[in-house]
Amino acid sequence: MSTLRTQAPKDDERQAEPPAGYDVDFHRWTVMQAKALRDGRWQALDIANLVEEVEGLGKSVRREIRSRLIVLLQHLLKWQFQPARRSPSWRATIREQRREIAQELRESPSLARYPQECLADQYDIARLKAAGETELPEETFPAGCPFTIEQVLDEAFYPEA
């Protein structure tokens, strides 16, 4: 017959927590990696996955800018080519995308040229999306971006029909 233990286990009797594997519990892995960094326990770091995650952070900022640029360009096209359907909602979307892009660029000033670099490609996507949403023929919209990056990001710019 065994007896129930009523006292907490001693330190040497406690089981160590299983390692927080990157593929097993990502959140726990991030907490453990941050703690190891703060404590200077370099041997405890999962270098390969840390490198991958840090590189991914930079990619996610660029992806965010591209995504917002597509939505912004799409709405600028709708604004220009469907003046009768302009709405406060469209204006709000245009303003929000501009503000969010500006915020990303403030937080990552090294990406200041990135919107210009990806403008043509993002315009092509926005043009297709605008055609699909408006049900206007794709040819309605210019083949190349009709706006400069300065206009696209300018809070006061709204294209006329």
N, C-alpha and C. Protein backbone atom coordinates (compact mmCIF):
# COMPACT_ATOMS: atom_id res chain seq x y z
N MET A 1 0.84 -1.18 0.00
CA MET A 1 0.00 0.00 0.00
C MET A 1 0.89 1.24 0.00
N SER A 2 0.62 2.16 -0.91
CA SER A 2 1.46 3.34 -1.00
C SER A 2 0.83 4.48 -0.20
N THR A 3 1.67 5.39 0.21
CA THR A 3 1.17 6.54 0.96
C THR A 3 1.16 7.75 0.05
N LEU A 4 0.21 8.63 0.27
CA LEU A 4 0.13 9.86 -0.51
C LEU A 4 1.14 10.85 0.00
N ARG A 5 1.74 11.53 -0.88
CA ARG A 5 2.72 12.54 -0.53
C ARG A 5 2.00 13.86 -0.28
N THR A 6 2.26 14.50 0.84
CA THR A 6 1.58 15.74 1.18
C THR A 6 2.48 16.94 1.06
N GLN A 7 3.76 16.74 0.87
CA GLN A 7 4.70 17.85 0.75
C GLN A 7 5.11 18.00 -0.72
N ALA A 8 5.48 19.23 -1.07
CA ALA A 8 5.97 19.49 -2.43
C ALA A 8 7.28 18.76 -2.64
N PRO A 9 7.54 18.30 -3.84
CA PRO A 9 8.81 17.61 -4.09
C PRO A 9 9.99 18.55 -3.89
N LYS A 10 11.10 18.00 -3.47
CA LYS A 10 12.33 18.78 -3.31
C LYS A 10 12.85 19.16 -4.69
N ASP A 11 13.70 20.18 -4.72
CA ASP A 11 14.23 20.67 -6.00
C ASP A 11 14.83 19.55 -6.85
N ASP A 12 15.57 18.65 -6.22
CA ASP A 12 16.21 17.60 -7.00
C ASP A 12 15.23 16.52 -7.44
N GLU A 13 14.01 16.54 -6.87
CA GLU A 13 13.00 15.56 -7.26
C GLU A 13 12.08 16.09 -8.36
N ARG A 14 12.10 17.41 -8.55
CA ARG A 14 11.22 18.00 -9.57
C ARG A 14 11.69 17.57 -10.95
N GLN A 15 10.73 17.31 -11.78
CA GLN A 15 11.09 16.96 -13.15
C GLN A 15 11.34 18.24 -13.93
N ALA A 16 12.36 18.23 -14.72
CA ALA A 16 12.63 19.39 -15.57
C ALA A 16 11.53 19.46 -16.62
N GLU A 17 11.16 20.70 -16.95
CA GLU A 17 10.15 20.86 -18.01
C GLU A 17 10.75 20.36 -19.31
N PRO A 18 9.94 19.70 -20.12
CA PRO A 18 10.47 19.25 -21.40
C PRO A 18 10.88 20.46 -22.24
N PRO A 19 11.86 20.30 -23.09
CA PRO A 19 12.29 21.43 -23.91
C PRO A 19 11.14 21.94 -24.78
N ALA A 20 11.16 23.25 -24.98
CA ALA A 20 10.12 23.88 -25.79
C ALA A 20 10.54 23.82 -27.24
N GLY A 21 10.16 22.79 -27.92
CA GLY A 21 10.55 22.60 -29.30
C GLY A 21 9.84 23.56 -30.24
N TYR A 22 10.59 24.04 -31.19
CA TYR A 22 10.09 24.97 -32.20
C TYR A 22 8.86 24.41 -32.91
N ASP A 23 8.90 23.14 -33.25
CA ASP A 23 7.80 22.51 -33.98
C ASP A 23 6.71 21.97 -33.07
N VAL A 24 6.95 21.96 -31.77
CA VAL A 24 5.99 21.38 -30.83
C VAL A 24 5.09 22.45 -30.22
N ASP A 25 5.70 23.54 -29.73
CA ASP A 25 4.95 24.62 -29.08
C ASP A 25 5.67 25.93 -29.40
N PHE A 26 5.31 26.54 -30.50
CA PHE A 26 6.02 27.72 -30.99
C PHE A 26 6.03 28.84 -29.96
N HIS A 27 4.89 29.12 -29.35
CA HIS A 27 4.83 30.21 -28.38
C HIS A 27 5.80 29.96 -27.23
N ARG A 28 5.75 28.78 -26.69
CA ARG A 28 6.65 28.45 -25.58
C ARG A 28 8.10 28.55 -26.04
N TRP A 29 8.38 28.10 -27.25
CA TRP A 29 9.73 28.20 -27.79
C TRP A 29 10.20 29.65 -27.81
N THR A 30 9.32 30.57 -28.25
CA THR A 30 9.71 31.99 -28.31
C THR A 30 9.99 32.53 -26.92
N VAL A 31 9.17 32.16 -25.94
CA VAL A 31 9.38 32.61 -24.56
C VAL A 31 10.72 32.10 -24.03
N MET A 32 11.00 30.83 -24.27
CA MET A 32 12.25 30.23 -23.79
C MET A 32 13.47 30.83 -24.50
N GLN A 33 13.35 31.11 -25.78
CA GLN A 33 14.46 31.71 -26.51
C GLN A 33 14.72 33.13 -26.02
N ALA A 34 13.66 33.89 -25.79
CA ALA A 34 13.81 35.26 -25.28
C ALA A 34 14.48 35.24 -23.90
N LYS A 35 14.07 34.31 -23.06
CA LYS A 35 14.66 34.20 -21.72
C LYS A 35 16.14 33.83 -21.83
N ALA A 36 16.47 32.90 -22.69
CA ALA A 36 17.87 32.51 -22.87
C ALA A 36 18.70 33.70 -23.36
N LEU A 37 18.16 34.49 -24.25
CA LEU A 37 18.86 35.69 -24.74
C LEU A 37 19.07 36.69 -23.61
N ARG A 38 18.01 36.96 -22.84
CA ARG A 38 18.11 37.91 -21.73
C ARG A 38 19.14 37.45 -20.70
N ASP A 39 19.16 36.15 -20.44
CA ASP A 39 20.06 35.59 -19.43
C ASP A 39 21.47 35.35 -19.95
N GLY A 40 21.68 35.55 -21.24
CA GLY A 40 23.00 35.32 -21.82
C GLY A 40 23.38 33.84 -21.89
N ARG A 41 22.40 32.98 -21.95
CA ARG A 41 22.65 31.53 -22.05
C ARG A 41 22.70 31.16 -23.54
N TRP A 42 23.82 31.47 -24.15
CA TRP A 42 23.96 31.32 -25.60
C TRP A 42 23.86 29.87 -26.05
N GLN A 43 24.29 28.94 -25.22
CA GLN A 43 24.24 27.53 -25.60
C GLN A 43 22.80 27.02 -25.68
N ALA A 44 21.89 27.69 -25.00
CA ALA A 44 20.49 27.25 -24.99
C ALA A 44 19.72 27.74 -26.21
N LEU A 45 20.37 28.57 -27.02
CA LEU A 45 19.67 29.15 -28.17
C LEU A 45 19.56 28.16 -29.33
N ASP A 46 18.42 28.22 -29.97
CA ASP A 46 18.15 27.42 -31.17
C ASP A 46 18.50 28.31 -32.37
N ILE A 47 19.77 28.40 -32.67
CA ILE A 47 20.28 29.36 -33.65
C ILE A 47 19.62 29.21 -35.02
N ALA A 48 19.52 28.01 -35.53
CA ALA A 48 18.97 27.82 -36.88
C ALA A 48 17.56 28.37 -36.98
N ASN A 49 16.72 28.06 -36.00
CA ASN A 49 15.34 28.55 -36.06
C ASN A 49 15.24 30.03 -35.73
N LEU A 50 16.13 30.54 -34.86
CA LEU A 50 16.15 31.97 -34.59
C LEU A 50 16.49 32.76 -35.85
N VAL A 51 17.47 32.30 -36.59
CA VAL A 51 17.85 32.96 -37.84
C VAL A 51 16.67 32.98 -38.80
N GLU A 52 16.00 31.85 -38.92
CA GLU A 52 14.84 31.75 -39.81
C GLU A 52 13.74 32.73 -39.39
N GLU A 53 13.49 32.82 -38.10
CA GLU A 53 12.44 33.72 -37.62
C GLU A 53 12.80 35.19 -37.81
N VAL A 54 14.05 35.55 -37.55
CA VAL A 54 14.47 36.94 -37.72
C VAL A 54 14.38 37.33 -39.20
N GLU A 55 14.82 36.45 -40.08
CA GLU A 55 14.69 36.73 -41.52
C GLU A 55 13.22 36.86 -41.90
N GLY A 56 12.39 36.03 -41.31
CA GLY A 56 10.95 36.07 -41.58
C GLY A 56 10.31 37.38 -41.15
N LEU A 57 10.83 37.98 -40.08
CA LEU A 57 10.28 39.26 -39.63
C LEU A 57 10.46 40.33 -40.70
N GLY A 58 11.63 40.38 -41.30
CA GLY A 58 11.87 41.34 -42.37
C GLY A 58 10.98 41.09 -43.57
N LYS A 59 10.80 39.83 -43.89
CA LYS A 59 9.94 39.48 -45.02
C LYS A 59 8.49 39.86 -44.73
N SER A 60 8.07 39.71 -43.49
CA SER A 60 6.67 40.01 -43.17
C SER A 60 6.39 41.51 -43.28
N VAL A 61 7.36 42.35 -42.97
CA VAL A 61 7.17 43.79 -43.12
C VAL A 61 7.01 44.13 -44.60
N ARG A 62 7.86 43.56 -45.44
CA ARG A 62 7.74 43.81 -46.88
C ARG A 62 6.42 43.28 -47.42
N ARG A 63 6.01 42.11 -46.96
CA ARG A 63 4.74 41.52 -47.39
C ARG A 63 3.57 42.43 -46.97
N GLU A 64 3.65 42.99 -45.77
CA GLU A 64 2.60 43.90 -45.29
C GLU A 64 2.52 45.15 -46.17
N ILE A 65 3.65 45.71 -46.52
CA ILE A 65 3.66 46.90 -47.39
C ILE A 65 3.07 46.55 -48.75
N ARG A 66 3.47 45.42 -49.32
CA ARG A 66 2.92 45.02 -50.64
C ARG A 66 1.41 44.83 -50.57
N SER A 67 0.95 44.17 -49.56
CA SER A 67 -0.48 43.90 -49.41
C SER A 67 -1.28 45.19 -49.30
N ARG A 68 -0.79 46.10 -48.47
CA ARG A 68 -1.50 47.37 -48.29
C ARG A 68 -1.43 48.23 -49.56
N LEU A 69 -0.33 48.14 -50.27
CA LEU A 69 -0.19 48.88 -51.53
C LEU A 69 -1.19 48.38 -52.56
N ILE A 70 -1.41 47.09 -52.62
CA ILE A 70 -2.41 46.53 -53.54
C ILE A 70 -3.79 47.07 -53.22
N VAL A 71 -4.19 47.02 -51.96
CA VAL A 71 -5.52 47.50 -51.56
C VAL A 71 -5.64 49.00 -51.86
N LEU A 72 -4.60 49.75 -51.57
CA LEU A 72 -4.60 51.19 -51.82
C LEU A 72 -4.75 51.49 -53.31
N LEU A 73 -3.95 50.85 -54.13
CA LEU A 73 -4.02 51.07 -55.58
C LEU A 73 -5.38 50.65 -56.14
N GLN A 74 -5.88 49.55 -55.66
CA GLN A 74 -7.20 49.06 -56.10
C GLN A 74 -8.27 50.12 -55.81
N HIS A 75 -8.23 50.69 -54.63
CA HIS A 75 -9.24 51.69 -54.27
C HIS A 75 -9.02 53.02 -55.00
N LEU A 76 -7.78 53.37 -55.28
CA LEU A 76 -7.54 54.57 -56.09
C LEU A 76 -8.09 54.39 -57.50
N LEU A 77 -7.94 53.20 -58.05
CA LEU A 77 -8.50 52.92 -59.38
C LEU A 77 -10.03 52.98 -59.34
N LYS A 78 -10.62 52.36 -58.35
CA LYS A 78 -12.08 52.41 -58.23
C LYS A 78 -12.55 53.86 -58.07
N TRP A 79 -11.81 54.63 -57.28
CA TRP A 79 -12.15 56.03 -57.06
C TRP A 79 -12.12 56.80 -58.38
N GLN A 80 -11.09 56.54 -59.18
CA GLN A 80 -10.94 57.26 -60.44
C GLN A 80 -11.94 56.81 -61.50
N PHE A 81 -12.18 55.52 -61.60
CA PHE A 81 -12.97 54.99 -62.71
C PHE A 81 -14.44 54.72 -62.38
N GLN A 82 -14.82 54.90 -61.13
CA GLN A 82 -16.23 54.79 -60.75
C GLN A 82 -16.62 55.97 -59.86
N PRO A 83 -16.54 57.18 -60.40
CA PRO A 83 -16.81 58.36 -59.57
C PRO A 83 -18.21 58.37 -58.97
N ALA A 84 -19.18 57.81 -59.66
CA ALA A 84 -20.55 57.80 -59.15
C ALA A 84 -20.70 56.89 -57.94
N ARG A 85 -19.76 55.99 -57.73
CA ARG A 85 -19.86 55.02 -56.63
C ARG A 85 -18.94 55.36 -55.46
N ARG A 86 -18.27 56.51 -55.54
CA ARG A 86 -17.38 56.91 -54.44
C ARG A 86 -18.16 56.95 -53.13
N SER A 87 -17.48 56.50 -52.09
CA SER A 87 -18.17 56.43 -50.80
C SER A 87 -17.21 56.76 -49.66
N PRO A 88 -17.78 57.10 -48.51
CA PRO A 88 -16.92 57.31 -47.34
C PRO A 88 -16.10 56.06 -47.01
N SER A 89 -16.64 54.91 -47.30
CA SER A 89 -15.92 53.66 -47.04
C SER A 89 -14.66 53.56 -47.90
N TRP A 90 -14.77 53.91 -49.17
CA TRP A 90 -13.60 53.89 -50.05
C TRP A 90 -12.55 54.88 -49.53
N ARG A 91 -13.01 56.08 -49.19
CA ARG A 91 -12.09 57.11 -48.67
C ARG A 91 -11.40 56.60 -47.40
N ALA A 92 -12.16 55.97 -46.52
CA ALA A 92 -11.58 55.45 -45.27
C ALA A 92 -10.55 54.37 -45.55
N THR A 93 -10.83 53.52 -46.52
CA THR A 93 -9.88 52.45 -46.87
C THR A 93 -8.60 53.05 -47.43
N ILE A 94 -8.72 54.03 -48.30
CA ILE A 94 -7.55 54.70 -48.87
C ILE A 94 -6.71 55.33 -47.76
N ARG A 95 -7.37 56.04 -46.86
CA ARG A 95 -6.66 56.69 -45.75
C ARG A 95 -5.98 55.67 -44.85
N GLU A 96 -6.68 54.61 -44.52
CA GLU A 96 -6.12 53.58 -43.64
C GLU A 96 -4.88 52.94 -44.25
N GLN A 97 -4.95 52.60 -45.53
CA GLN A 97 -3.80 51.95 -46.18
C GLN A 97 -2.60 52.89 -46.20
N ARG A 98 -2.83 54.15 -46.49
CA ARG A 98 -1.74 55.13 -46.51
C ARG A 98 -1.11 55.26 -45.12
N ARG A 99 -1.94 55.35 -44.11
CA ARG A 99 -1.42 55.49 -42.74
C ARG A 99 -0.63 54.27 -42.31
N GLU A 100 -1.14 53.10 -42.65
CA GLU A 100 -0.45 51.87 -42.24
C GLU A 100 0.88 51.70 -42.99
N ILE A 101 0.90 52.05 -44.26
CA ILE A 101 2.17 52.00 -45.01
C ILE A 101 3.16 52.99 -44.38
N ALA A 102 2.69 54.20 -44.10
CA ALA A 102 3.56 55.21 -43.49
C ALA A 102 4.10 54.72 -42.15
N GLN A 103 3.27 54.07 -41.37
CA GLN A 103 3.70 53.53 -40.08
C GLN A 103 4.79 52.47 -40.26
N GLU A 104 4.58 51.57 -41.21
CA GLU A 104 5.59 50.54 -41.48
C GLU A 104 6.92 51.19 -41.89
N LEU A 105 6.85 52.23 -42.69
CA LEU A 105 8.07 52.90 -43.15
C LEU A 105 8.75 53.68 -42.02
N ARG A 106 7.97 54.23 -41.09
CA ARG A 106 8.57 54.89 -39.92
C ARG A 106 9.30 53.86 -39.04
N GLU A 107 8.70 52.69 -38.90
CA GLU A 107 9.29 51.65 -38.06
C GLU A 107 10.47 50.95 -38.74
N SER A 108 10.51 51.00 -40.05
CA SER A 108 11.60 50.37 -40.82
C SER A 108 12.07 51.32 -41.91
N PRO A 109 12.77 52.39 -41.52
CA PRO A 109 13.17 53.40 -42.50
C PRO A 109 14.05 52.87 -43.63
N SER A 110 14.71 51.74 -43.42
CA SER A 110 15.53 51.18 -44.50
C SER A 110 14.67 50.72 -45.67
N LEU A 111 13.36 50.63 -45.48
CA LEU A 111 12.44 50.23 -46.56
C LEU A 111 11.81 51.43 -47.27
N ALA A 112 12.36 52.61 -47.06
CA ALA A 112 11.77 53.82 -47.64
C ALA A 112 11.56 53.72 -49.15
N ARG A 113 12.48 53.05 -49.86
CA ARG A 113 12.36 52.94 -51.32
C ARG A 113 11.51 51.74 -51.75
N TYR A 114 11.18 50.89 -50.83
CA TYR A 114 10.51 49.64 -51.19
C TYR A 114 9.17 49.85 -51.90
N PRO A 115 8.31 50.77 -51.45
CA PRO A 115 7.05 50.97 -52.19
C PRO A 115 7.27 51.31 -53.66
N GLN A 116 8.27 52.14 -53.93
CA GLN A 116 8.58 52.48 -55.33
C GLN A 116 9.07 51.26 -56.09
N GLU A 117 9.91 50.46 -55.44
CA GLU A 117 10.48 49.28 -56.09
C GLU A 117 9.42 48.25 -56.47
N CYS A 118 8.38 48.15 -55.68
CA CYS A 118 7.38 47.10 -55.96
C CYS A 118 6.08 47.67 -56.55
N LEU A 119 6.04 48.97 -56.82
CA LEU A 119 4.82 49.62 -57.31
C LEU A 119 4.26 48.97 -58.57
N ALA A 120 5.08 48.74 -59.57
CA ALA A 120 4.59 48.21 -60.85
C ALA A 120 3.96 46.83 -60.67
N ASP A 121 4.62 45.96 -59.93
CA ASP A 121 4.07 44.61 -59.72
C ASP A 121 2.78 44.65 -58.91
N GLN A 122 2.74 45.49 -57.89
CA GLN A 122 1.53 45.57 -57.06
C GLN A 122 0.39 46.22 -57.84
N TYR A 123 0.73 47.15 -58.72
CA TYR A 123 -0.30 47.76 -59.56
C TYR A 123 -0.95 46.71 -60.45
N ASP A 124 -0.15 45.83 -61.04
CA ASP A 124 -0.71 44.79 -61.92
C ASP A 124 -1.74 43.95 -61.17
N ILE A 125 -1.44 43.61 -59.93
CA ILE A 125 -2.38 42.82 -59.12
C ILE A 125 -3.61 43.66 -58.79
N ALA A 126 -3.39 44.91 -58.38
CA ALA A 126 -4.50 45.79 -58.02
C ALA A 126 -5.43 46.03 -59.21
N ARG A 127 -4.85 46.15 -60.39
CA ARG A 127 -5.64 46.36 -61.61
C ARG A 127 -6.58 45.18 -61.85
N LEU A 128 -6.06 43.97 -61.72
CA LEU A 128 -6.90 42.78 -61.89
C LEU A 128 -8.00 42.72 -60.84
N LYS A 129 -7.65 43.04 -59.61
CA LYS A 129 -8.65 43.02 -58.53
C LYS A 129 -9.72 44.09 -58.75
N ALA A 130 -9.29 45.27 -59.18
CA ALA A 130 -10.25 46.35 -59.43
C ALA A 130 -11.20 45.96 -60.55
N ALA A 131 -10.67 45.35 -61.60
CA ALA A 131 -11.52 44.90 -62.71
C ALA A 131 -12.53 43.86 -62.21
N GLY A 132 -12.08 42.95 -61.39
CA GLY A 132 -12.98 41.93 -60.86
C GLY A 132 -14.05 42.50 -59.96
N GLU A 133 -13.68 43.45 -59.11
CA GLU A 133 -14.65 44.03 -58.18
C GLU A 133 -15.64 44.95 -58.86
N THR A 134 -15.16 45.72 -59.83
CA THR A 134 -16.04 46.70 -60.47
C THR A 134 -16.83 46.10 -61.63
N GLU A 135 -16.38 44.94 -62.09
CA GLU A 135 -16.94 44.30 -63.28
C GLU A 135 -16.73 45.13 -64.54
N LEU A 136 -15.75 46.04 -64.47
CA LEU A 136 -15.35 46.79 -65.66
C LEU A 136 -14.30 45.96 -66.39
N PRO A 137 -14.22 46.09 -67.71
CA PRO A 137 -13.19 45.35 -68.44
C PRO A 137 -11.79 45.77 -67.95
N GLU A 138 -10.91 44.82 -67.90
CA GLU A 138 -9.55 45.09 -67.45
C GLU A 138 -8.91 46.23 -68.24
N GLU A 139 -9.27 46.31 -69.53
CA GLU A 139 -8.70 47.35 -70.40
C GLU A 139 -9.15 48.75 -70.00
N THR A 140 -10.18 48.86 -69.16
CA THR A 140 -10.63 50.16 -68.67
C THR A 140 -9.50 50.85 -67.92
N PHE A 141 -8.71 50.05 -67.23
CA PHE A 141 -7.66 50.59 -66.38
C PHE A 141 -6.34 50.61 -67.14
N PRO A 142 -5.53 51.66 -66.94
CA PRO A 142 -4.25 51.75 -67.65
C PRO A 142 -3.38 50.51 -67.41
N ALA A 143 -2.64 50.12 -68.44
CA ALA A 143 -1.77 48.94 -68.34
C ALA A 143 -0.65 49.18 -67.33
N GLY A 144 -0.16 50.40 -67.26
CA GLY A 144 0.88 50.76 -66.30
C GLY A 144 0.30 51.67 -65.23
N CYS A 145 0.92 51.72 -64.10
CA CYS A 145 0.40 52.53 -63.00
C CYS A 145 0.32 54.00 -63.40
N PRO A 146 -0.87 54.58 -63.31
CA PRO A 146 -1.04 55.98 -63.72
C PRO A 146 -0.65 56.98 -62.64
N PHE A 147 -0.23 56.48 -61.49
CA PHE A 147 0.10 57.34 -60.35
C PHE A 147 1.58 57.20 -60.01
N THR A 148 2.16 58.29 -59.54
CA THR A 148 3.52 58.20 -59.00
C THR A 148 3.42 57.66 -57.57
N ILE A 149 4.51 57.17 -57.05
CA ILE A 149 4.47 56.68 -55.67
C ILE A 149 4.18 57.82 -54.71
N GLU A 150 4.63 59.03 -55.06
CA GLU A 150 4.34 60.18 -54.22
C GLU A 150 2.84 60.44 -54.15
N GLN A 151 2.16 60.35 -55.29
CA GLN A 151 0.70 60.52 -55.31
C GLN A 151 0.02 59.41 -54.51
N VAL A 152 0.45 58.19 -54.74
CA VAL A 152 -0.16 57.04 -54.07
C VAL A 152 -0.12 57.22 -52.56
N LEU A 153 0.99 57.71 -52.04
CA LEU A 153 1.16 57.82 -50.59
C LEU A 153 0.72 59.16 -50.02
N ASP A 154 0.37 60.11 -50.89
CA ASP A 154 -0.02 61.46 -50.46
C ASP A 154 -1.44 61.44 -49.88
N GLU A 155 -1.56 61.82 -48.61
CA GLU A 155 -2.86 61.83 -47.92
C GLU A 155 -3.91 62.68 -48.65
N ALA A 156 -3.47 63.69 -49.37
CA ALA A 156 -4.42 64.60 -50.02
C ALA A 156 -4.78 64.19 -51.45
N PHE A 157 -4.09 63.19 -51.99
CA PHE A 157 -4.32 62.84 -53.39
C PHE A 157 -5.47 61.86 -53.56
N TYR A 158 -6.44 62.29 -54.37
CA TYR A 158 -7.55 61.43 -54.81
C TYR A 158 -7.72 61.70 -56.30
N PRO A 159 -7.51 60.70 -57.14
CA PRO A 159 -7.55 60.93 -58.59
C PRO A 159 -8.94 61.30 -59.08
N GLU A 160 -8.96 62.15 -60.05
CA GLU A 160 -10.23 62.53 -60.67
C GLU A 160 -10.49 61.64 -61.87
N ALA A 161 -11.75 61.57 -62.26
CA ALA A 161 -12.16 60.72 -63.39
C ALA A 161 -11.63 61.28 -64.69
